[in-house]
Protein backbone atom coordinates (compact mmCIF):
# COMPACT_ATOMS: atom_id res chain seq x y z
CA UNK A 1 126.22 0.76 -286.76
CA UNK A 2 124.01 1.28 -283.66
CA UNK A 3 122.40 4.57 -282.79
CA UNK A 4 121.16 5.79 -279.46
CA UNK A 5 117.42 5.40 -278.99
CA UNK A 6 115.31 8.19 -277.54
CA UNK A 7 115.07 6.29 -274.23
CA UNK A 8 118.88 5.99 -274.07
CA UNK A 9 119.25 9.73 -274.65
CA UNK A 10 116.62 10.46 -272.00
CA UNK A 11 118.51 8.33 -269.47
CA UNK A 12 121.75 10.24 -270.04
CA UNK A 13 119.88 13.54 -269.76
CA UNK A 14 118.29 12.42 -266.49
CA UNK A 15 121.69 11.47 -265.05
CA UNK A 16 123.20 14.81 -265.99
CA UNK A 17 120.16 16.69 -264.64
CA UNK A 18 120.35 14.82 -261.34
CA UNK A 19 124.04 15.70 -261.02
CA UNK A 20 123.25 19.37 -261.69
CA UNK A 21 120.47 19.39 -259.09
CA UNK A 22 122.88 17.96 -256.53
CA UNK A 23 125.43 20.63 -257.34
CA UNK A 24 127.79 18.13 -258.96
CA UNK A 25 129.39 18.70 -262.33
CA UNK A 26 131.32 16.74 -264.90
CA UNK A 27 134.42 18.67 -266.04
CA UNK A 28 134.34 18.88 -269.84
CA UNK A 29 131.40 16.62 -270.61
CA UNK A 30 131.94 13.25 -268.97
CA UNK A 31 135.11 13.13 -266.87
CA UNK A 32 135.20 11.06 -263.69
CA UNK A 33 137.82 12.91 -261.69
CA UNK A 34 139.14 12.07 -258.25
CA UNK A 35 137.67 15.32 -256.90
CA UNK A 36 134.27 14.44 -258.35
CA UNK A 37 134.26 10.97 -256.82
CA UNK A 38 135.40 12.35 -253.45
CA UNK A 39 132.53 14.81 -253.51
CA UNK A 40 130.09 12.07 -254.45
CA UNK A 41 131.28 9.97 -251.51
CA UNK A 42 130.87 12.92 -249.16
CA UNK A 43 127.30 13.54 -250.30
CA UNK A 44 126.35 9.87 -250.45
CA UNK A 45 128.25 7.63 -248.00
CA UNK A 46 126.52 4.58 -249.49
CA UNK A 47 127.52 5.43 -253.05
CA UNK A 48 129.24 2.06 -253.56
CA UNK A 49 126.08 0.25 -252.52
CA UNK A 50 124.14 2.34 -255.00
CA UNK A 51 126.64 1.66 -257.76
CA UNK A 52 126.21 -2.05 -257.03
CA UNK A 53 122.44 -1.72 -257.17
CA UNK A 54 122.55 -2.65 -260.84
CA UNK A 55 122.99 -6.23 -259.67
CA UNK A 56 119.40 -6.18 -258.44
CA UNK A 57 118.31 -5.98 -262.08
CA UNK A 58 120.04 -9.29 -262.69
CA UNK A 59 118.05 -11.11 -260.03
CA UNK A 60 114.85 -10.03 -261.78
CA UNK A 61 116.12 -10.49 -265.35
CA UNK A 62 114.49 -13.01 -267.65
CA UNK A 63 115.82 -16.54 -267.02
CA UNK A 64 117.14 -16.91 -270.57
CA UNK A 65 119.59 -14.05 -270.07
CA UNK A 66 123.15 -15.25 -269.45
CA UNK A 67 124.45 -14.27 -266.00
CA UNK A 68 128.01 -12.97 -265.79
CA UNK A 69 130.11 -11.16 -263.18
CA UNK A 70 131.35 -7.75 -264.32
CA UNK A 71 134.29 -6.24 -262.45
CA UNK A 72 135.69 -3.09 -263.93
CA UNK A 73 136.01 0.63 -264.40
CA UNK A 74 134.22 3.23 -266.53
CA UNK A 75 134.51 1.08 -269.67
CA UNK A 76 131.89 -1.09 -267.92
CA UNK A 77 130.12 1.62 -265.93
CA UNK A 78 129.73 5.20 -267.16
CA UNK A 79 126.69 7.36 -266.42
CA UNK A 80 126.54 9.22 -269.72
CA UNK A 81 127.83 6.82 -272.37
CA UNK A 82 126.43 3.50 -273.51
CA UNK A 83 129.41 1.36 -272.55
CA UNK A 84 130.12 -2.37 -272.57
CA UNK A 85 127.58 -3.39 -269.92
CA UNK A 86 124.80 -1.28 -271.43
CA UNK A 87 125.26 -2.95 -274.81
CA UNK A 88 125.84 -6.46 -273.43
CA UNK A 89 122.53 -6.30 -271.55
CA UNK A 90 120.82 -5.61 -274.87
CA UNK A 91 122.66 -8.62 -276.33
CA UNK A 92 121.10 -11.05 -273.85
CA UNK A 93 123.40 -10.83 -270.81
CA UNK A 94 122.60 -9.99 -267.20
CA UNK A 95 125.65 -8.88 -265.17
CA UNK A 96 126.19 -9.15 -261.44
CA UNK A 97 128.18 -5.95 -261.07
CA UNK A 98 131.01 -4.59 -258.98
CA UNK A 99 132.18 -2.16 -261.65
CA UNK A 100 132.44 1.57 -260.96
CA UNK A 101 133.86 4.66 -262.69
CA UNK A 102 137.48 5.36 -261.84
CA UNK A 103 137.91 1.95 -260.22
CA UNK A 104 141.49 0.70 -260.15
CA UNK A 105 142.66 -2.88 -260.41
CA UNK A 106 144.36 -2.39 -257.05
CA UNK A 107 141.01 -1.49 -255.46
CA UNK A 108 139.26 -4.42 -257.11
CA UNK A 109 141.79 -6.89 -255.71
CA UNK A 110 141.75 -5.26 -252.27
CA UNK A 111 137.95 -5.27 -251.94
CA UNK A 112 137.36 -8.62 -253.70
CA UNK A 113 133.69 -7.85 -254.34
CA UNK A 114 133.82 -10.25 -257.31
CA UNK A 115 134.10 -13.16 -254.86
CA UNK A 116 130.79 -12.22 -253.26
CA UNK A 117 129.14 -12.25 -256.69
CA UNK A 118 130.53 -15.68 -257.54
CA UNK A 119 128.28 -17.30 -254.94
CA UNK A 120 125.51 -17.03 -257.53
CA UNK A 121 125.52 -20.50 -259.06
CA UNK A 122 124.12 -19.25 -262.37
CA UNK A 123 127.22 -17.18 -263.22
CA UNK A 124 128.64 -18.36 -266.56
CA UNK A 125 131.70 -16.09 -266.92
CA UNK A 126 133.70 -13.30 -265.29
CA UNK A 127 134.48 -10.20 -267.34
CA UNK A 128 137.23 -7.83 -266.23
CA UNK A 129 137.99 -4.30 -267.40
CA UNK A 130 140.81 -3.01 -265.23
CA UNK A 131 144.29 -1.57 -265.06
CA UNK A 132 143.95 1.55 -267.18
CA UNK A 133 143.52 3.89 -264.23
CA UNK A 134 146.42 2.22 -262.43
CA UNK A 135 148.70 2.69 -265.43
CA UNK A 136 147.82 6.30 -266.24
CA UNK A 137 148.17 7.34 -262.61
CA UNK A 138 151.18 5.17 -261.70
CA UNK A 139 153.01 6.70 -258.71
CA UNK A 140 151.62 10.17 -259.39
CA UNK A 141 152.58 12.59 -256.59
CA UNK A 142 149.90 13.78 -254.19
CA UNK A 143 150.04 17.29 -255.60
CA UNK A 144 148.81 16.09 -258.99
CA UNK A 145 152.07 16.02 -260.91
CA UNK A 146 152.70 13.67 -263.82
CA UNK A 147 153.34 9.97 -263.52
CA UNK A 148 157.08 9.18 -263.47
CA UNK A 149 156.46 6.90 -266.43
CA UNK A 150 156.70 10.10 -268.47
CA UNK A 151 159.96 12.04 -268.65
CA UNK A 152 161.19 15.21 -270.31
CA UNK A 153 162.93 14.32 -273.58
CA UNK A 154 163.85 17.91 -274.46
CA UNK A 155 161.76 18.21 -277.60
CA UNK A 156 162.54 14.79 -279.08
CA UNK A 157 160.27 13.61 -281.89
CA UNK A 158 160.81 9.94 -280.89
CA UNK A 159 157.95 8.65 -278.68
CA UNK A 160 160.12 6.16 -276.76
CA UNK A 161 162.38 8.98 -275.55
CA UNK A 162 159.50 10.33 -273.45
CA UNK A 163 159.09 7.02 -271.59
CA UNK A 164 160.95 6.26 -268.36
CA UNK A 165 161.28 2.56 -269.06
CA UNK A 166 162.11 1.36 -265.51
CA UNK A 167 158.93 3.07 -264.25
CA UNK A 168 156.86 1.53 -267.03
CA UNK A 169 158.31 -1.88 -266.22
CA UNK A 170 157.46 -1.30 -262.56
CA UNK A 171 153.89 -0.35 -263.41
CA UNK A 172 153.36 -3.36 -265.66
CA UNK A 173 154.94 -5.69 -263.09
CA UNK A 174 152.51 -4.45 -260.46
CA UNK A 175 149.56 -4.79 -262.83
CA UNK A 176 150.71 -8.31 -263.61
CA UNK A 177 150.72 -9.21 -259.90
CA UNK A 178 147.25 -7.74 -259.39
CA UNK A 179 145.73 -9.41 -262.43
CA UNK A 180 147.22 -12.77 -261.47
CA UNK A 181 145.82 -12.40 -257.94
CA UNK A 182 142.33 -11.62 -259.24
CA UNK A 183 142.31 -14.59 -261.61
CA UNK A 184 143.61 -16.95 -258.92
CA UNK A 185 140.98 -15.64 -256.47
CA UNK A 186 138.25 -16.58 -258.93
CA UNK A 187 139.84 -19.95 -259.69
CA UNK A 188 139.86 -20.91 -256.00
CA UNK A 189 136.11 -20.25 -255.76
CA UNK A 190 135.08 -21.52 -259.19
CA UNK A 191 137.90 -23.59 -260.78
CA UNK A 192 136.29 -23.91 -264.21
CA UNK A 193 134.88 -20.42 -264.46
CA UNK A 194 135.71 -18.70 -267.78
CA UNK A 195 137.53 -15.41 -267.15
CA UNK A 196 137.73 -12.85 -269.93
CA UNK A 197 140.16 -9.94 -269.62
CA UNK A 198 141.13 -7.01 -271.82
CA UNK A 199 143.06 -3.78 -271.73
CA UNK A 200 142.36 -0.47 -273.47
CA UNK A 201 142.55 0.26 -277.15
CA UNK A 202 145.27 2.78 -278.11
CA UNK A 203 143.97 5.99 -276.58
CA UNK A 204 144.48 9.38 -278.23
CA UNK A 205 145.86 11.99 -275.81
CA UNK A 206 144.48 15.32 -276.94
CA UNK A 207 146.15 18.66 -277.21
CA UNK A 208 143.15 20.92 -276.77
CA UNK A 209 139.44 21.23 -277.46
CA UNK A 210 135.99 20.60 -276.09
CA UNK A 211 135.15 16.92 -275.55
CA UNK A 212 138.78 16.01 -275.79
CA UNK A 213 141.31 17.53 -273.47
CA UNK A 214 140.95 15.63 -270.22
CA UNK A 215 142.63 14.90 -266.90
CA UNK A 216 144.30 11.66 -267.92
CA UNK A 217 147.34 11.83 -270.19
CA UNK A 218 147.21 15.08 -272.14
CA UNK A 219 147.81 17.32 -269.15
CA UNK A 220 150.54 15.00 -267.84
CA UNK A 221 152.29 15.24 -271.20
CA UNK A 222 152.07 19.02 -270.94
CA UNK A 223 153.72 18.82 -267.52
CA UNK A 224 156.81 17.01 -268.84
CA UNK A 225 157.05 19.20 -271.92
CA UNK A 226 155.74 16.93 -274.67
CA UNK A 227 155.08 19.10 -277.75
CA UNK A 228 151.44 19.40 -278.72
CA UNK A 229 152.00 17.21 -281.72
CA UNK A 230 149.17 14.70 -282.08
CA UNK A 231 151.24 12.05 -283.84
CA UNK A 232 153.95 12.21 -281.18
CA UNK A 233 151.43 12.01 -278.34
CA UNK A 234 149.64 9.10 -279.98
CA UNK A 235 152.97 7.31 -280.29
CA UNK A 236 153.78 7.77 -276.60
CA UNK A 237 150.35 6.51 -275.56
CA UNK A 238 150.65 3.53 -277.92
CA UNK A 239 153.83 2.41 -276.15
CA UNK A 240 152.04 2.46 -272.78
CA UNK A 241 148.94 0.69 -274.08
CA UNK A 242 150.88 -1.93 -276.05
CA UNK A 243 153.09 -2.82 -273.08
CA UNK A 244 150.04 -3.16 -270.83
CA UNK A 245 148.30 -5.34 -273.43
CA UNK A 246 151.39 -7.54 -273.65
CA UNK A 247 151.28 -7.92 -269.87
CA UNK A 248 147.58 -8.76 -269.89
CA UNK A 249 147.99 -11.34 -272.66
CA UNK A 250 150.91 -12.98 -270.87
CA UNK A 251 149.08 -13.33 -267.55
CA UNK A 252 145.95 -14.65 -269.23
CA UNK A 253 147.96 -17.31 -271.06
CA UNK A 254 149.74 -18.38 -267.88
CA UNK A 255 146.50 -18.54 -265.85
CA UNK A 256 144.24 -20.14 -268.49
CA UNK A 257 142.10 -17.03 -268.86
CA UNK A 258 140.94 -15.49 -272.15
CA UNK A 259 142.62 -12.28 -273.28
CA UNK A 260 140.73 -10.17 -275.82
CA UNK A 261 142.76 -7.69 -277.85
CA UNK A 262 140.68 -4.55 -278.41
CA UNK A 263 143.36 -2.56 -280.21
CA UNK A 264 142.19 -1.17 -283.52
CA UNK A 265 138.47 -1.26 -282.76
CA UNK A 266 137.91 2.33 -281.66
CA UNK A 267 139.97 4.20 -284.23
CA UNK A 268 139.00 7.86 -283.87
CA UNK A 269 135.64 7.16 -282.19
CA UNK A 270 136.45 8.62 -278.75
CA UNK A 271 134.31 10.82 -276.51
CA UNK A 272 137.42 12.02 -274.74
CA UNK A 273 140.94 10.77 -274.11
CA UNK A 274 140.07 7.36 -272.69
CA UNK A 275 136.36 6.70 -273.31
CA UNK A 276 135.15 5.39 -276.67
CA UNK A 277 131.84 6.71 -277.94
CA UNK A 278 128.60 4.70 -277.95
CA UNK A 279 129.16 3.09 -281.34
CA UNK A 280 132.72 2.05 -280.54
CA UNK A 281 131.58 0.57 -277.23
CA UNK A 282 128.98 -1.41 -279.16
CA UNK A 283 131.74 -2.97 -281.27
CA UNK A 284 133.80 -3.69 -278.15
CA UNK A 285 130.82 -5.35 -276.47
CA UNK A 286 130.23 -7.46 -279.58
CA UNK A 287 133.80 -8.76 -279.46
CA UNK A 288 133.63 -9.62 -275.76
CA UNK A 289 130.24 -11.30 -276.15
CA UNK A 290 131.62 -13.29 -279.10
CA UNK A 291 134.33 -14.73 -276.86
CA UNK A 292 131.79 -15.66 -274.17
CA UNK A 293 129.74 -17.51 -276.78
CA UNK A 294 132.78 -19.33 -278.16
CA UNK A 295 133.84 -20.43 -274.67
CA UNK A 296 130.36 -21.65 -273.82
CA UNK A 297 130.14 -23.64 -277.07
CA UNK A 298 133.48 -25.25 -276.27
CA UNK A 299 132.28 -26.13 -272.78
CA UNK A 300 129.11 -27.73 -274.15
CA UNK A 301 131.14 -29.71 -276.67
CA UNK A 302 133.44 -31.04 -273.91
CA UNK A 303 130.43 -32.07 -271.82
CA UNK A 304 128.95 -33.92 -274.82
CA UNK A 305 132.20 -35.79 -275.41
CA UNK A 306 132.27 -36.96 -271.80
CA UNK A 307 128.82 -38.50 -272.04
C-alpha cells in the first residue's frame, strides 16, 4: 500500500498555506464548495487557465511517458489529496488536462476543452471522470435545498423509499445524453481513440464528525428527514451510485468506449463523503492504468495481424 512521501506532504501543505494567505479556506478539511470556487474566480479571473497549466508539464515530460487526455472533476484534480492524475503520473503517464475540482459533465460538454487537447497527435487515450457532481446536485433549488431525487419517506428504514424514482431517471437520462455527446465528440476528431470512463464508488454519506460531514449528500439527507442511521444512508447512496454506474456502462457499450467499474475499491477509505483517501486513489489509478495498458496491447496486436 502506498504512503505519501515527504515531498507529497510538503506540496499539500504549500497549497493549504497559499489558500490561507489569500484569505481562502476549505470548509472541513478539503471541500470544494460552490462558494469557494466563486470566490476563487473573483480573485483570479484566469483561474481556469491556471488549472489547465498542468498540461504544460506534459509538453516537457520525458518522451517515454504515455500521453493521455484527462477530462474530469476532483477525482482527477484535487489540491490536497493524491488523486488519480497524481498517481498515474508516477506510473508513467503524462496527461493533457482539462480537469478541475467541482467540474460537472454538463460543463465539460459545453466547453469541449477535450477537443482542443486532442490535436496533440501523441495522445493515446482519453480518460473521463464526470457525472458525480451533476447527480448529487440534480435540479437543486437556488437557495441550496436538497435535490428532488431525495424525498421524505416519513422514517422508513427502506432505502428505496427515500428515492424519487422519476427524478433519478431524469438525472440518469440527462447524464446519458451528456456522456454520449462527449464520446461522440471525441470519435469525430479521433475515430480510433480509446475512451475510458468510470463513475464513483459507493460513497458513504456521513452523519457527523470532522473529516466526514460535507456539503454533498449528508446535509441533503438531513433536509428531507433521513434518520442519521449510517446503514440506511449508505443504502440510499448505493441506489444512486449503482443506477449511475448502470447508465455509464450502458453508454460505453453502445459507443464502443471502455467502462471501468470502481465499486468496491474504496471500502471505508474516504477523506470525506465523496473523495477517497490517497491509498484508495492509488488503487483506483492502478485499475484505470491497467485498462489503458490492455487496450494498447490489443491495438498493437491488431496492427501486427494486419502486417
